[in-house]
C-alpha cells in the first residue's frame, strides 16, 4: 500500500503543473482555469526527464519498488566465511564443536542486528543466536566473528548435515549462507605409507610406518592406533604414536608412526599390514600399509 501511494504521489507531482489559473482569473478573482497547450506541457515534462529517469531506476509502475535495481552492495551485510571446527562430530551430545561466522556490513559492524543458525538438523533450535562478545566460546569481542559452541544430539542420524546461516542488519537487510557438518562415529584413516617402501630381510633393515588418522570430535578422544606386524615376522599388534617419539616426526600432527626393524628370514614379497584406530565412543576405523620385502 505504501509503495502504491508513493507512486501515485510522484505521478501527481509530475502532472500537477499541467493545470493552472490564468492571470486574468487572478486579477478578477474568477476561478476560471486555463489549460496548457501541448507544447507547454512537453516543455514541462522534458524538464522533469532527469527526475523521471532517476525514479524509474528504482520504481516499477506495475509492481512498485524494484529492489533488483538497488545497489545491494551498499545495503546488505556480507558473510565472509562460515566454519565448523571440527567438521566431523559424533552424535554423543557431549563433544563440543564451534560454529564461526565472519561478517561485515556497509554501515559497520555496529549495524549488525543479529547472526543466527538453524541447528535443527543436529537436534537443536532452528533459530539459535551466535555471539561476538568474547564469551561462551567466542575468541574476541567485536571482531566480526560470531560464534556458538554446541554439540550433536545422540538421536541424530549419521551423515552430512546442512546448517543454514542468516545475518541481519538494523536496516532490515538479510544475508544468507550455509555450511555442513559430518556426523560420524568412526575415525578415518586418511592415508598410510612405509618409508622406505621396500626393505631387505637381512635382520637389520628399518622401516617407518605412518598413518594419518582423523577422529570425529576432539583428537584426544582417539583411544589408540595399532598395527598388526605379523606379516613381517613380529607377533601381535603394536601401538603407533603421535607424540614425537619412537620415530614419529612431529607431535600432535595426527600422523601416527612406528619405526621397526624387519627380522631376518622373512619371506620376500608384498606384505599387507593392517591398522585399526579406536576412539572413546567405541568407534573404529581400519586401513592398511603396503610393504615390499626383498632378499
C-alpha atoms as a PDB file:
ATOM      1  CA  UNK A   1       0.000   0.000   0.000  1.00  0.00           C
ATOM      2  CA  UNK A   2       2.830   2.398   0.892  1.00  0.00           C
ATOM      3  CA  UNK A   3       4.587   1.845  -2.449  1.00  0.00           C
ATOM      4  CA  UNK A   4       1.323   2.390  -4.356  1.00  0.00           C
ATOM      5  CA  UNK A   5       0.692   5.676  -2.537  1.00  0.00           C
ATOM      6  CA  UNK A   6       4.271   6.787  -3.224  1.00  0.00           C
ATOM      7  CA  UNK A   7       3.947   6.016  -6.920  1.00  0.00           C
ATOM      8  CA  UNK A   8       0.632   7.911  -7.123  1.00  0.00           C
ATOM      9  CA  UNK A   9       2.150  10.854  -5.304  1.00  0.00           C
ATOM     10  CA  UNK A  10       5.070  11.062  -7.754  1.00  0.00           C
ATOM     11  CA  UNK A  11       2.691  10.930 -10.713  1.00  0.00           C
ATOM     12  CA  UNK A  12       0.659  13.722  -9.092  1.00  0.00           C
ATOM     13  CA  UNK A  13       3.784  15.896  -8.701  1.00  0.00           C
ATOM     14  CA  UNK A  14       4.730  15.430 -12.348  1.00  0.00           C
ATOM     15  CA  UNK A  15       1.282  16.125 -13.733  1.00  0.00           C
ATOM     16  CA  UNK A  16       0.147  18.826 -11.328  1.00  0.00           C
ATOM     17  CA  UNK A  17       1.774  21.532 -13.431  1.00  0.00           C
ATOM     18  CA  UNK A  18      -0.470  20.713 -16.393  1.00  0.00           C
ATOM     19  CA  UNK A  19      -3.304  22.866 -14.984  1.00  0.00           C
ATOM     20  CA  UNK A  20      -3.026  26.392 -13.641  1.00  0.00           C
ATOM     21  CA  UNK A  21      -5.106  29.530 -13.283  1.00  0.00           C
ATOM     22  CA  UNK A  22      -4.889  32.221 -15.917  1.00  0.00           C
ATOM     23  CA  UNK A  23      -3.512  35.683 -14.969  1.00  0.00           C
ATOM     24  CA  UNK A  24      -6.871  37.213 -15.820  1.00  0.00           C
ATOM     25  CA  UNK A  25      -8.617  34.990 -13.360  1.00  0.00           C
ATOM     26  CA  UNK A  26      -6.193  36.071 -10.622  1.00  0.00           C
ATOM     27  CA  UNK A  27      -6.900  39.759 -11.294  1.00  0.00           C
ATOM     28  CA  UNK A  28     -10.657  39.444 -11.404  1.00  0.00           C
ATOM     29  CA  UNK A  29     -10.990  36.898  -8.641  1.00  0.00           C
ATOM     30  CA  UNK A  30     -12.723  34.494 -11.002  1.00  0.00           C
ATOM     31  CA  UNK A  31     -11.934  30.790 -10.768  1.00  0.00           C
ATOM     32  CA  UNK A  32     -11.545  30.293 -14.483  1.00  0.00           C
ATOM     33  CA  UNK A  33      -8.899  27.674 -15.305  1.00  0.00           C
ATOM     34  CA  UNK A  34      -6.561  27.789 -18.257  1.00  0.00           C
ATOM     35  CA  UNK A  35      -5.174  24.540 -19.729  1.00  0.00           C
ATOM     36  CA  UNK A  36      -1.641  24.385 -21.097  1.00  0.00           C
ATOM     37  CA  UNK A  37      -1.011  23.783 -24.727  1.00  0.00           C
ATOM     38  CA  UNK A  38       0.643  20.572 -25.850  1.00  0.00           C
ATOM     39  CA  UNK A  39       3.917  22.414 -26.459  1.00  0.00           C
ATOM     40  CA  UNK A  40       3.870  23.920 -22.949  1.00  0.00           C
ATOM     41  CA  UNK A  41       3.161  20.541 -21.434  1.00  0.00           C
ATOM     42  CA  UNK A  42       6.008  18.972 -23.429  1.00  0.00           C
ATOM     43  CA  UNK A  43       8.443  21.576 -22.142  1.00  0.00           C
ATOM     44  CA  UNK A  44       7.356  20.956 -18.555  1.00  0.00           C
ATOM     45  CA  UNK A  45       7.625  17.196 -18.902  1.00  0.00           C
ATOM     46  CA  UNK A  46      11.031  17.414 -20.579  1.00  0.00           C
ATOM     47  CA  UNK A  47      12.232  19.483 -17.628  1.00  0.00           C
ATOM     48  CA  UNK A  48      11.346  16.589 -15.362  1.00  0.00           C
ATOM     49  CA  UNK A  49      13.012  13.991 -17.584  1.00  0.00           C
ATOM     50  CA  UNK A  50      16.049  13.705 -15.318  1.00  0.00           C
ATOM     51  CA  UNK A  51      13.808  13.155 -12.307  1.00  0.00           C
ATOM     52  CA  UNK A  52      11.784  10.534 -14.151  1.00  0.00           C
ATOM     53  CA  UNK A  53      14.894   8.595 -15.105  1.00  0.00           C
ATOM     54  CA  UNK A  54      16.103   8.538 -11.515  1.00  0.00           C
ATOM     55  CA  UNK A  55      12.710   7.467 -10.229  1.00  0.00           C
ATOM     56  CA  UNK A  56      12.355   4.904 -12.993  1.00  0.00           C
ATOM     57  CA  UNK A  57      15.610   3.238 -11.958  1.00  0.00           C
ATOM     58  CA  UNK A  58      14.068   2.446  -8.587  1.00  0.00           C
ATOM     59  CA  UNK A  59      10.367   2.248  -9.286  1.00  0.00           C
ATOM     60  CA  UNK A  60       8.338  -0.147 -11.372  1.00  0.00           C
ATOM     61  CA  UNK A  61       4.957   1.388 -12.245  1.00  0.00           C
ATOM     62  CA  UNK A  62       3.394  -2.072 -12.261  1.00  0.00           C
ATOM     63  CA  UNK A  63       4.942  -3.755  -9.188  1.00  0.00           C
ATOM     64  CA  UNK A  64       6.256  -0.862  -7.065  1.00  0.00           C
ATOM     65  CA  UNK A  65       9.866  -0.608  -5.930  1.00  0.00           C
ATOM     66  CA  UNK A  66      12.247  -2.745  -7.987  1.00  0.00           C
ATOM     67  CA  UNK A  67      14.770  -3.987  -5.400  1.00  0.00           C
ATOM     68  CA  UNK A  68      16.964  -5.543  -8.096  1.00  0.00           C
ATOM     69  CA  UNK A  69      17.793  -2.027  -9.295  1.00  0.00           C
ATOM     70  CA  UNK A  70      19.173  -1.052  -5.890  1.00  0.00           C
ATOM     71  CA  UNK A  71      22.921  -1.218  -5.272  1.00  0.00           C
ATOM     72  CA  UNK A  72      22.745  -4.026  -2.747  1.00  0.00           C
ATOM     73  CA  UNK A  73      26.482  -3.782  -2.021  1.00  0.00           C
ATOM     74  CA  UNK A  74      25.734  -0.586  -0.110  1.00  0.00           C
ATOM     75  CA  UNK A  75      22.828  -2.074   1.840  1.00  0.00           C
ATOM     76  CA  UNK A  76      23.223  -5.775   2.520  1.00  0.00           C
ATOM     77  CA  UNK A  77      25.509  -7.336   5.175  1.00  0.00           C
ATOM     78  CA  UNK A  78      28.164  -9.724   3.882  1.00  0.00           C
ATOM     79  CA  UNK A  79      29.268 -13.148   5.113  1.00  0.00           C
ATOM     80  CA  UNK A  80      32.991 -13.652   4.641  1.00  0.00           C
ATOM     81  CA  UNK A  81      33.074 -17.274   5.728  1.00  0.00           C
ATOM     82  CA  UNK A  82      31.258 -19.917   7.757  1.00  0.00           C
ATOM     83  CA  UNK A  83      33.351 -22.530   9.535  1.00  0.00           C
ATOM     84  CA  UNK A  84      32.688 -25.515  11.773  1.00  0.00           C
ATOM     85  CA  UNK A  85      35.549 -26.736  13.957  1.00  0.00           C
ATOM     86  CA  UNK A  86      35.976 -29.685  13.887  1.00  0.00           C
ATOM     87  CA  UNK A  87      33.955 -30.580  10.789  1.00  0.00           C
ATOM     88  CA  UNK A  88      33.386 -34.176  11.963  1.00  0.00           C
ATOM     89  CA  UNK A  89      31.475 -34.644  15.202  1.00  0.00           C
ATOM     90  CA  UNK A  90      29.969 -37.738  16.832  1.00  0.00           C
ATOM     91  CA  UNK A  91      26.295 -37.713  17.860  1.00  0.00           C
ATOM     92  CA  UNK A  92      27.010 -38.139  21.554  1.00  0.00           C
ATOM     93  CA  UNK A  93      25.564 -34.904  22.973  1.00  0.00           C
ATOM     94  CA  UNK A  94      28.827 -34.033  24.717  1.00  0.00           C
ATOM     95  CA  UNK A  95      31.547 -33.497  22.094  1.00  0.00           C
ATOM     96  CA  UNK A  96      31.672 -29.736  21.574  1.00  0.00           C
ATOM     97  CA  UNK A  97      32.254 -28.080  18.219  1.00  0.00           C
ATOM     98  CA  UNK A  98      32.438 -24.377  17.355  1.00  0.00           C
ATOM     99  CA  UNK A  99      30.434 -22.708  14.612  1.00  0.00           C
ATOM    100  CA  UNK A 100      32.016 -19.427  13.480  1.00  0.00           C
ATOM    101  CA  UNK A 101      30.587 -16.850  11.067  1.00  0.00           C
ATOM    102  CA  UNK A 102      32.696 -13.894   9.907  1.00  0.00           C
ATOM    103  CA  UNK A 103      30.501 -10.948   8.851  1.00  0.00           C
ATOM    104  CA  UNK A 104      30.713  -7.330   7.743  1.00  0.00           C
ATOM    105  CA  UNK A 105      28.265  -4.557   6.873  1.00  0.00           C
ATOM    106  CA  UNK A 106      28.392  -1.365   4.741  1.00  0.00           C
ATOM    107  CA  UNK A 107      27.337   0.558   7.844  1.00  0.00           C
ATOM    108  CA  UNK A 108      29.977  -1.040  10.046  1.00  0.00           C
ATOM    109  CA  UNK A 109      29.762  -3.941  12.479  1.00  0.00           C
ATOM    110  CA  UNK A 110      27.571  -1.850  14.775  1.00  0.00           C
ATOM    111  CA  UNK A 111      24.856  -2.090  12.127  1.00  0.00           C
ATOM    112  CA  UNK A 112      24.644  -5.891  12.503  1.00  0.00           C
ATOM    113  CA  UNK A 113      21.498  -6.705  14.470  1.00  0.00           C
ATOM    114  CA  UNK A 114      21.960 -10.465  14.707  1.00  0.00           C
ATOM    115  CA  UNK A 115      23.535 -13.667  13.396  1.00  0.00           C
ATOM    116  CA  UNK A 116      21.512 -16.857  13.700  1.00  0.00           C
ATOM    117  CA  UNK A 117      21.940 -20.511  12.756  1.00  0.00           C
ATOM    118  CA  UNK A 118      19.404 -23.212  12.012  1.00  0.00           C
ATOM    119  CA  UNK A 119      20.595 -26.139  14.155  1.00  0.00           C
ATOM    120  CA  UNK A 120      17.504 -28.282  13.703  1.00  0.00           C
ATOM    121  CA  UNK A 121      19.450 -30.824  11.598  1.00  0.00           C
ATOM    122  CA  UNK A 122      21.662 -31.620  14.594  1.00  0.00           C
ATOM    123  CA  UNK A 123      18.879 -31.722  17.163  1.00  0.00           C
ATOM    124  CA  UNK A 124      18.800 -28.121  18.404  1.00  0.00           C
ATOM    125  CA  UNK A 125      16.799 -24.931  17.879  1.00  0.00           C
ATOM    126  CA  UNK A 126      16.187 -23.639  14.331  1.00  0.00           C
ATOM    127  CA  UNK A 127      16.858 -20.008  15.301  1.00  0.00           C
ATOM    128  CA  UNK A 128      19.955 -20.085  17.515  1.00  0.00           C
ATOM    129  CA  UNK A 129      21.827 -16.822  18.134  1.00  0.00           C
ATOM    130  CA  UNK A 130      25.596 -16.539  17.716  1.00  0.00           C
ATOM    131  CA  UNK A 131      27.622 -14.025  19.763  1.00  0.00           C
ATOM    132  CA  UNK A 132      30.570 -11.685  19.247  1.00  0.00           C
ATOM    133  CA  UNK A 133      31.105 -10.739  22.896  1.00  0.00           C
ATOM    134  CA  UNK A 134      34.247 -12.665  23.821  1.00  0.00           C
ATOM    135  CA  UNK A 135      32.210 -15.134  25.914  1.00  0.00           C
ATOM    136  CA  UNK A 136      30.776 -18.653  25.513  1.00  0.00           C
ATOM    137  CA  UNK A 137      33.444 -19.796  23.091  1.00  0.00           C
ATOM    138  CA  UNK A 138      33.826 -16.525  21.175  1.00  0.00           C
ATOM    139  CA  UNK A 139      37.529 -15.686  20.960  1.00  0.00           C
ATOM    140  CA  UNK A 140      37.445 -11.883  20.754  1.00  0.00           C
ATOM    141  CA  UNK A 141      34.655  -9.379  21.269  1.00  0.00           C
ATOM    142  CA  UNK A 142      33.764  -7.057  18.391  1.00  0.00           C
ATOM    143  CA  UNK A 143      35.975  -8.679  15.740  1.00  0.00           C
ATOM    144  CA  UNK A 144      33.061  -9.529  13.438  1.00  0.00           C
ATOM    145  CA  UNK A 145      33.376 -13.280  14.042  1.00  0.00           C
ATOM    146  CA  UNK A 146      30.173 -14.545  15.625  1.00  0.00           C
ATOM    147  CA  UNK A 147      30.468 -17.878  17.421  1.00  0.00           C
ATOM    148  CA  UNK A 148      28.476 -20.592  19.127  1.00  0.00           C
ATOM    149  CA  UNK A 149      29.657 -23.774  20.806  1.00  0.00           C
ATOM    150  CA  UNK A 150      27.293 -26.714  20.712  1.00  0.00           C
ATOM    151  CA  UNK A 151      27.100 -30.492  20.198  1.00  0.00           C
ATOM    152  CA  UNK A 152      25.174 -33.038  18.130  1.00  0.00           C
ATOM    153  CA  UNK A 153      22.235 -34.718  19.866  1.00  0.00           C
ATOM    154  CA  UNK A 154      22.508 -38.502  20.351  1.00  0.00           C
ATOM    155  CA  UNK A 155      19.353 -39.177  18.306  1.00  0.00           C
ATOM    156  CA  UNK A 156      20.758 -37.550  15.134  1.00  0.00           C
ATOM    157  CA  UNK A 157      21.478 -39.961  12.277  1.00  0.00           C
ATOM    158  CA  UNK A 158      24.945 -40.250  10.741  1.00  0.00           C
ATOM    159  CA  UNK A 159      25.792 -38.326   7.602  1.00  0.00           C
ATOM    160  CA  UNK A 160      26.312 -34.778   6.313  1.00  0.00           C
ATOM    161  CA  UNK A 161      24.085 -32.148   7.932  1.00  0.00           C
ATOM    162  CA  UNK A 162      23.467 -28.675   6.490  1.00  0.00           C
ATOM    163  CA  UNK A 163      23.478 -25.679   8.809  1.00  0.00           C
ATOM    164  CA  UNK A 164      21.843 -22.540   7.413  1.00  0.00           C
ATOM    165  CA  UNK A 165      23.095 -19.087   8.490  1.00  0.00           C
ATOM    166  CA  UNK A 166      21.220 -15.758   8.438  1.00  0.00           C
ATOM    167  CA  UNK A 167      22.780 -12.337   9.111  1.00  0.00           C
ATOM    168  CA  UNK A 168      20.526  -9.277   9.528  1.00  0.00           C
ATOM    169  CA  UNK A 169      21.345  -5.605   9.901  1.00  0.00           C
ATOM    170  CA  UNK A 170      19.406  -2.793  11.545  1.00  0.00           C
ATOM    171  CA  UNK A 171      18.056  -1.618   8.190  1.00  0.00           C
ATOM    172  CA  UNK A 172      16.271  -4.923   7.727  1.00  0.00           C
ATOM    173  CA  UNK A 173      18.573  -6.344   5.036  1.00  0.00           C
ATOM    174  CA  UNK A 174      19.468 -10.023   5.183  1.00  0.00           C
ATOM    175  CA  UNK A 175      22.387 -12.195   4.013  1.00  0.00           C
ATOM    176  CA  UNK A 176      22.171 -15.977   3.866  1.00  0.00           C
ATOM    177  CA  UNK A 177      24.764 -18.754   3.740  1.00  0.00           C
ATOM    178  CA  UNK A 178      25.279 -22.323   4.885  1.00  0.00           C
ATOM    179  CA  UNK A 179      27.886 -24.861   5.881  1.00  0.00           C
ATOM    180  CA  UNK A 180      27.849 -28.579   6.517  1.00  0.00           C
ATOM    181  CA  UNK A 181      28.883 -30.848   9.369  1.00  0.00           C
ATOM    182  CA  UNK A 182      29.779 -34.548   9.119  1.00  0.00           C
ATOM    183  CA  UNK A 183      28.049 -36.503  11.866  1.00  0.00           C
ATOM    184  CA  UNK A 184      30.204 -39.580  12.279  1.00  0.00           C
ATOM    185  CA  UNK A 185      31.230 -42.030  14.978  1.00  0.00           C
ATOM    186  CA  UNK A 186      34.174 -43.869  13.445  1.00  0.00           C
ATOM    187  CA  UNK A 187      37.700 -42.481  13.000  1.00  0.00           C
ATOM    188  CA  UNK A 188      39.033 -42.406   9.424  1.00  0.00           C
ATOM    189  CA  UNK A 189      42.477 -43.435   8.236  1.00  0.00           C
ATOM    190  CA  UNK A 190      43.210 -40.825   5.583  1.00  0.00           C
ATOM    191  CA  UNK A 191      46.476 -42.164   4.175  1.00  0.00           C
ATOM    192  CA  UNK A 192      49.254 -44.616   5.022  1.00  0.00           C
ATOM    193  CA  UNK A 193      52.830 -45.209   3.900  1.00  0.00           C
ATOM    194  CA  UNK A 194      56.027 -47.120   4.579  1.00  0.00           C
ATOM    195  CA  UNK A 195      59.352 -45.284   4.413  1.00  0.00           C
ATOM    196  CA  UNK A 196      61.112 -46.841   2.569  1.00  0.00           C
ATOM    197  CA  UNK A 197      58.528 -48.818   0.609  1.00  0.00           C
ATOM    198  CA  UNK A 198      60.894 -51.757   0.155  1.00  0.00           C
ATOM    199  CA  UNK A 199      63.261 -53.346   2.725  1.00  0.00           C
ATOM    200  CA  UNK A 200      65.560 -56.342   2.846  1.00  0.00           C
ATOM    201  CA  UNK A 201      65.007 -59.373   5.067  1.00  0.00           C
ATOM    202  CA  UNK A 202      68.564 -59.239   6.391  1.00  0.00           C
ATOM    203  CA  UNK A 203      67.599 -58.616  10.003  1.00  0.00           C
ATOM    204  CA  UNK A 204      68.922 -55.082  10.062  1.00  0.00           C
ATOM    205  CA  UNK A 205      66.596 -53.056   7.813  1.00  0.00           C
ATOM    206  CA  UNK A 206      64.486 -50.409   9.481  1.00  0.00           C
ATOM    207  CA  UNK A 207      61.177 -49.050   8.178  1.00  0.00           C
ATOM    208  CA  UNK A 208      58.991 -46.173   9.357  1.00  0.00           C
ATOM    209  CA  UNK A 209      55.277 -46.981   9.226  1.00  0.00           C
ATOM    210  CA  UNK A 210      52.926 -43.970   9.179  1.00  0.00           C
ATOM    211  CA  UNK A 211      49.149 -43.420   9.151  1.00  0.00           C
ATOM    212  CA  UNK A 212      47.198 -40.141   9.139  1.00  0.00           C
ATOM    213  CA  UNK A 213      44.082 -40.530  11.304  1.00  0.00           C
ATOM    214  CA  UNK A 214      41.086 -38.180  11.569  1.00  0.00           C
ATOM    215  CA  UNK A 215      38.840 -38.646  14.598  1.00  0.00           C
ATOM    216  CA  UNK A 216      35.311 -37.196  14.815  1.00  0.00           C
ATOM    217  CA  UNK A 217      35.378 -34.544  17.522  1.00  0.00           C
ATOM    218  CA  UNK A 218      38.473 -33.996  19.616  1.00  0.00           C
ATOM    219  CA  UNK A 219      41.864 -35.550  18.767  1.00  0.00           C
ATOM    220  CA  UNK A 220      42.278 -36.555  22.428  1.00  0.00           C
ATOM    221  CA  UNK A 221      39.199 -38.778  22.133  1.00  0.00           C
ATOM    222  CA  UNK A 222      41.165 -41.124  19.866  1.00  0.00           C
ATOM    223  CA  UNK A 223      41.931 -44.014  22.186  1.00  0.00           C
ATOM    224  CA  UNK A 224      44.501 -45.997  20.182  1.00  0.00           C
ATOM    225  CA  UNK A 225      46.050 -46.617  16.773  1.00  0.00           C
ATOM    226  CA  UNK A 226      47.592 -50.092  16.416  1.00  0.00           C
ATOM    227  CA  UNK A 227      49.231 -52.019  13.606  1.00  0.00           C
ATOM    228  CA  UNK A 228      49.483 -55.794  13.135  1.00  0.00           C
ATOM    229  CA  UNK A 229      53.098 -56.699  12.318  1.00  0.00           C
ATOM    230  CA  UNK A 230      52.538 -60.450  11.976  1.00  0.00           C
ATOM    231  CA  UNK A 231      53.126 -60.434   8.168  1.00  0.00           C
ATOM    232  CA  UNK A 232      56.734 -59.293   8.730  1.00  0.00           C
ATOM    233  CA  UNK A 233      57.503 -61.795  11.457  1.00  0.00           C
ATOM    234  CA  UNK A 234      56.642 -59.732  14.542  1.00  0.00           C
ATOM    235  CA  UNK A 235      53.784 -61.257  16.518  1.00  0.00           C
ATOM    236  CA  UNK A 236      50.793 -59.228  17.634  1.00  0.00           C
ATOM    237  CA  UNK A 237      49.807 -55.570  17.387  1.00  0.00           C
ATOM    238  CA  UNK A 238      51.996 -52.608  18.257  1.00  0.00           C
ATOM    239  CA  UNK A 239      50.841 -49.119  19.180  1.00  0.00           C
ATOM    240  CA  UNK A 240      51.620 -46.257  16.827  1.00  0.00           C
ATOM    241  CA  UNK A 241      52.498 -42.866  18.291  1.00  0.00           C
ATOM    242  CA  UNK A 242      51.826 -39.181  17.679  1.00  0.00           C
ATOM    243  CA  UNK A 243      53.980 -37.782  20.459  1.00  0.00           C
ATOM    244  CA  UNK A 244      57.234 -37.098  18.629  1.00  0.00           C
ATOM    245  CA  UNK A 245      58.888 -40.282  19.926  1.00  0.00           C
ATOM    246  CA  UNK A 246      59.605 -43.768  18.566  1.00  0.00           C
ATOM    247  CA  UNK A 247      60.265 -42.447  15.078  1.00  0.00           C
ATOM    248  CA  UNK A 248      57.255 -40.111  14.992  1.00  0.00           C
ATOM    249  CA  UNK A 249      58.243 -36.963  13.114  1.00  0.00           C
ATOM    250  CA  UNK A 250      56.008 -34.393  14.851  1.00  0.00           C
ATOM    251  CA  UNK A 251      53.863 -34.492  17.952  1.00  0.00           C
ATOM    252  CA  UNK A 252      50.141 -33.775  17.585  1.00  0.00           C
ATOM    253  CA  UNK A 253      50.005 -33.638  13.772  1.00  0.00           C
ATOM    254  CA  UNK A 254      47.522 -36.587  13.581  1.00  0.00           C
ATOM    255  CA  UNK A 255      50.129 -38.711  11.806  1.00  0.00           C
ATOM    256  CA  UNK A 256      50.749 -41.839  13.888  1.00  0.00           C
ATOM    257  CA  UNK A 257      54.081 -43.590  13.426  1.00  0.00           C
ATOM    258  CA  UNK A 258      56.089 -46.661  14.393  1.00  0.00           C
ATOM    259  CA  UNK A 259      59.653 -47.458  13.448  1.00  0.00           C
ATOM    260  CA  UNK A 260      60.506 -51.165  13.352  1.00  0.00           C
ATOM    261  CA  UNK A 261      63.375 -53.409  12.298  1.00  0.00           C
ATOM    262  CA  UNK A 262      62.338 -56.174   9.925  1.00  0.00           C
ATOM    263  CA  UNK A 263      63.534 -59.535  11.309  1.00  0.00           C
ATOM    264  CA  UNK A 264      65.840 -61.701   9.256  1.00  0.00           C
ATOM    265  CA  UNK A 265      64.425 -64.675   7.435  1.00  0.00           C
ATOM    266  CA  UNK A 266      61.095 -63.067   6.479  1.00  0.00           C
ATOM    267  CA  UNK A 267      59.791 -64.472   3.214  1.00  0.00           C
ATOM    268  CA  UNK A 268      60.183 -61.959   0.395  1.00  0.00           C
ATOM    269  CA  UNK A 269      57.111 -60.453  -1.238  1.00  0.00           C
ATOM    270  CA  UNK A 270      54.435 -57.795  -0.783  1.00  0.00           C
ATOM    271  CA  UNK A 271      53.171 -57.532   2.783  1.00  0.00           C
ATOM    272  CA  UNK A 272      49.881 -56.039   3.970  1.00  0.00           C
ATOM    273  CA  UNK A 273      49.946 -54.615   7.497  1.00  0.00           C
ATOM    274  CA  UNK A 274      46.526 -53.847   8.978  1.00  0.00           C
ATOM    275  CA  UNK A 275      45.917 -50.734  11.081  1.00  0.00           C
ATOM    276  CA  UNK A 276      42.989 -50.245  13.452  1.00  0.00           C
ATOM    277  CA  UNK A 277      42.045 -46.955  15.126  1.00  0.00           C
ATOM    278  CA  UNK A 278      39.622 -46.810  18.081  1.00  0.00           C
ATOM    279  CA  UNK A 279      38.041 -43.908  19.958  1.00  0.00           C
ATOM    280  CA  UNK A 280      36.357 -43.474  23.345  1.00  0.00           C
ATOM    281  CA  UNK A 281      32.819 -43.826  21.963  1.00  0.00           C
ATOM    282  CA  UNK A 282      33.532 -47.328  20.591  1.00  0.00           C
ATOM    283  CA  UNK A 283      34.057 -46.115  17.044  1.00  0.00           C
ATOM    284  CA  UNK A 284      36.712 -47.803  14.921  1.00  0.00           C
ATOM    285  CA  UNK A 285      38.368 -47.435  11.533  1.00  0.00           C
ATOM    286  CA  UNK A 286      40.732 -49.682   9.590  1.00  0.00           C
ATOM    287  CA  UNK A 287      43.417 -49.241   6.976  1.00  0.00           C
ATOM    288  CA  UNK A 288      46.480 -50.989   5.616  1.00  0.00           C
ATOM    289  CA  UNK A 289      50.122 -50.260   4.874  1.00  0.00           C
ATOM    290  CA  UNK A 290      51.801 -51.977   1.930  1.00  0.00           C
ATOM    291  CA  UNK A 291      55.431 -53.010   2.354  1.00  0.00           C
ATOM    292  CA  UNK A 292      57.681 -54.971  -0.005  1.00  0.00           C
ATOM    293  CA  UNK A 293      60.290 -57.324   1.500  1.00  0.00           C
ATOM    294  CA  UNK A 294      63.234 -58.444  -0.657  1.00  0.00           C
ATOM    295  CA  UNK A 295      66.237 -60.695  -0.078  1.00  0.00           C
END
